Amino acid sequence: MSDVEQTVDKFCYPEDYNDEDKADYDTLISQGMNLIGKKIKPDNEFLLHLSAKITINQRKGFTNGLNQDEIDQLKDHHKNLLNTSNIFETPPDIFYNNMLHLSDGTSFEHPLATPPKNVADPPDVYENE
């Protein structure tokens, strides 16, 4: 079974789709499936379905009410999110001298700051026999 047939099996066409819309949908999905693994991540396959529906709706004259400037702003915003989505920064002022300083003013020693050999009551270690 081809990728397109598997995709079609998982998808129910909207009620207002005629045969031409269904054929266009299948063609768009087929073209997009060729890009999976090359230009599109497999996790983003849902974007193919979304894009196909949007394309067909645009051809039918349905609009989302956004003008071109608003669409360009959304594209830029999403592009920036994609470029920075996996970057997490820990504020350096929270950690200082192996202490955690919380926003409510409390401070305590970072749990990983003390090496195990300096712990007062180290846990018993048993060897597997």
Protein backbone atom coordinates (compact mmCIF):
# COMPACT_ATOMS: atom_id res chain seq x y z
CA MET A 1 0.00 0.00 0.00
CA SER A 2 1.44 3.39 -0.97
CA ASP A 3 1.81 6.38 1.33
CA VAL A 4 -1.06 8.13 -0.42
CA GLU A 5 -3.39 5.16 0.07
CA GLN A 6 -2.44 4.98 3.76
CA THR A 7 -3.06 8.71 4.12
CA VAL A 8 -6.41 8.48 2.35
CA ASP A 9 -7.41 5.59 4.63
CA LYS A 10 -6.78 7.77 7.68
CA PHE A 11 -8.59 10.82 6.30
CA CYS A 12 -12.29 11.52 5.88
CA TYR A 13 -12.99 14.19 3.31
CA PRO A 14 -15.20 17.10 4.38
CA GLU A 15 -18.80 16.72 3.25
CA ASP A 16 -18.58 19.67 0.85
CA TYR A 17 -15.68 18.14 -1.15
CA ASN A 18 -16.67 17.05 -4.64
CA ASP A 19 -14.70 14.57 -6.74
CA GLU A 20 -12.43 17.31 -8.09
CA ASP A 21 -11.62 18.50 -4.55
CA LYS A 22 -10.85 14.95 -3.45
CA ALA A 23 -8.56 14.43 -6.44
CA ASP A 24 -6.78 17.74 -5.73
CA TYR A 25 -6.39 16.78 -2.09
CA ASP A 26 -4.88 13.40 -2.99
CA THR A 27 -2.51 15.03 -5.50
CA LEU A 28 -1.32 17.64 -2.99
CA ILE A 29 -0.75 15.00 -0.31
CA SER A 30 1.10 12.76 -2.77
CA GLN A 31 3.42 15.60 -3.76
CA GLY A 32 4.01 16.48 -0.12
CA MET A 33 4.74 12.87 0.89
CA ASN A 34 7.66 12.91 -1.53
CA LEU A 35 9.22 15.67 0.61
CA ILE A 36 8.91 13.81 3.92
CA GLY A 37 12.37 13.03 5.18
CA LYS A 38 13.93 15.45 2.69
CA LYS A 39 12.45 18.87 3.40
CA ILE A 40 9.69 17.96 5.83
CA LYS A 41 10.17 16.15 9.12
CA PRO A 42 7.99 13.05 9.53
CA ASP A 43 6.49 14.61 12.68
CA ASN A 44 5.18 17.47 10.55
CA GLU A 45 3.08 15.32 8.23
CA PHE A 46 -0.04 16.95 9.65
CA LEU A 47 1.09 20.18 7.95
CA LEU A 48 0.60 18.50 4.58
CA HIS A 49 -3.04 17.82 5.38
CA LEU A 50 -3.53 21.32 6.72
CA SER A 51 -1.89 22.87 3.66
CA ALA A 52 -3.98 20.78 1.29
CA LYS A 53 -7.20 21.84 3.01
CA ILE A 54 -6.15 25.51 2.98
CA THR A 55 -5.25 25.33 -0.71
CA ILE A 56 -8.59 23.80 -1.64
CA ASN A 57 -10.47 26.32 0.49
CA GLN A 58 -8.61 29.20 -1.16
CA ARG A 59 -9.46 27.83 -4.60
CA LYS A 60 -13.12 27.67 -3.57
CA GLY A 61 -12.96 31.31 -2.46
CA PHE A 62 -13.03 30.78 1.31
CA THR A 63 -10.82 33.21 3.18
CA ASN A 64 -9.58 33.49 6.74
CA GLY A 65 -10.10 37.25 6.86
CA LEU A 66 -6.39 38.09 7.12
CA ASN A 67 -4.75 40.57 4.77
CA GLN A 68 -1.29 39.95 3.27
CA ASP A 69 0.51 42.06 5.92
CA GLU A 70 -1.06 40.03 8.74
CA ILE A 71 -0.15 36.78 6.98
CA ASP A 72 3.46 37.95 6.56
CA GLN A 73 3.63 38.89 10.25
CA LEU A 74 2.33 35.44 11.24
CA LYS A 75 4.87 33.74 8.96
CA ASP A 76 7.72 35.75 10.50
CA HIS A 77 6.47 35.02 14.01
CA HIS A 78 6.26 31.27 13.38
CA LYS A 79 9.64 31.26 11.65
CA ASN A 80 11.19 32.95 14.70
CA LEU A 81 9.51 30.43 17.02
CA LEU A 82 10.85 27.51 14.99
CA ASN A 83 14.37 28.93 15.11
CA THR A 84 14.31 29.40 18.88
CA SER A 85 11.91 26.69 20.05
CA ASN A 86 14.57 24.36 21.48
CA ILE A 87 16.61 27.00 23.29
CA PHE A 88 16.04 27.22 27.01
CA GLU A 89 17.99 29.63 29.14
CA THR A 90 18.27 29.39 32.89
CA PRO A 91 18.53 32.82 34.48
CA PRO A 92 22.03 32.98 36.03
CA ASP A 93 20.79 34.99 39.01
CA ILE A 94 18.81 31.99 40.27
CA PHE A 95 22.02 29.97 40.76
CA TYR A 96 24.85 31.51 42.71
CA ASN A 97 27.47 29.72 44.86
CA ASN A 98 25.58 26.41 44.61
CA MET A 99 22.45 28.05 46.01
CA LEU A 100 19.00 28.34 44.52
CA HIS A 101 17.41 31.75 45.01
CA LEU A 102 13.67 31.73 44.36
CA SER A 103 11.53 34.71 43.43
CA ASP A 104 9.74 34.60 46.80
CA GLY A 105 13.05 35.35 48.54
CA THR A 106 13.78 31.86 49.85
CA SER A 107 17.17 30.30 49.24
CA PHE A 108 18.48 26.80 49.70
CA GLU A 109 21.44 24.72 48.65
CA HIS A 110 21.20 23.20 45.21
CA PRO A 111 20.55 19.46 45.67
CA LEU A 112 23.26 18.47 43.20
CA ALA A 113 25.87 20.83 44.65
CA THR A 114 26.99 18.36 47.32
CA PRO A 115 28.99 15.40 46.03
CA PRO A 116 27.80 12.03 47.37
CA LYS A 117 30.98 11.49 49.40
CA ASN A 118 30.19 14.59 51.49
CA VAL A 119 26.66 13.55 52.39
CA ALA A 120 26.35 12.88 56.14
CA ASP A 121 24.56 9.54 55.88
CA PRO A 122 25.36 7.98 52.54
CA PRO A 123 22.98 5.25 51.47
CA ASP A 124 24.10 1.66 51.83
CA VAL A 125 25.55 0.16 48.70
CA TYR A 126 24.99 -3.50 48.07
CA GLU A 127 26.85 -5.55 45.53
CA ASN A 128 24.85 -7.82 43.30
CA GLU A 129 25.92 -11.41 43.78
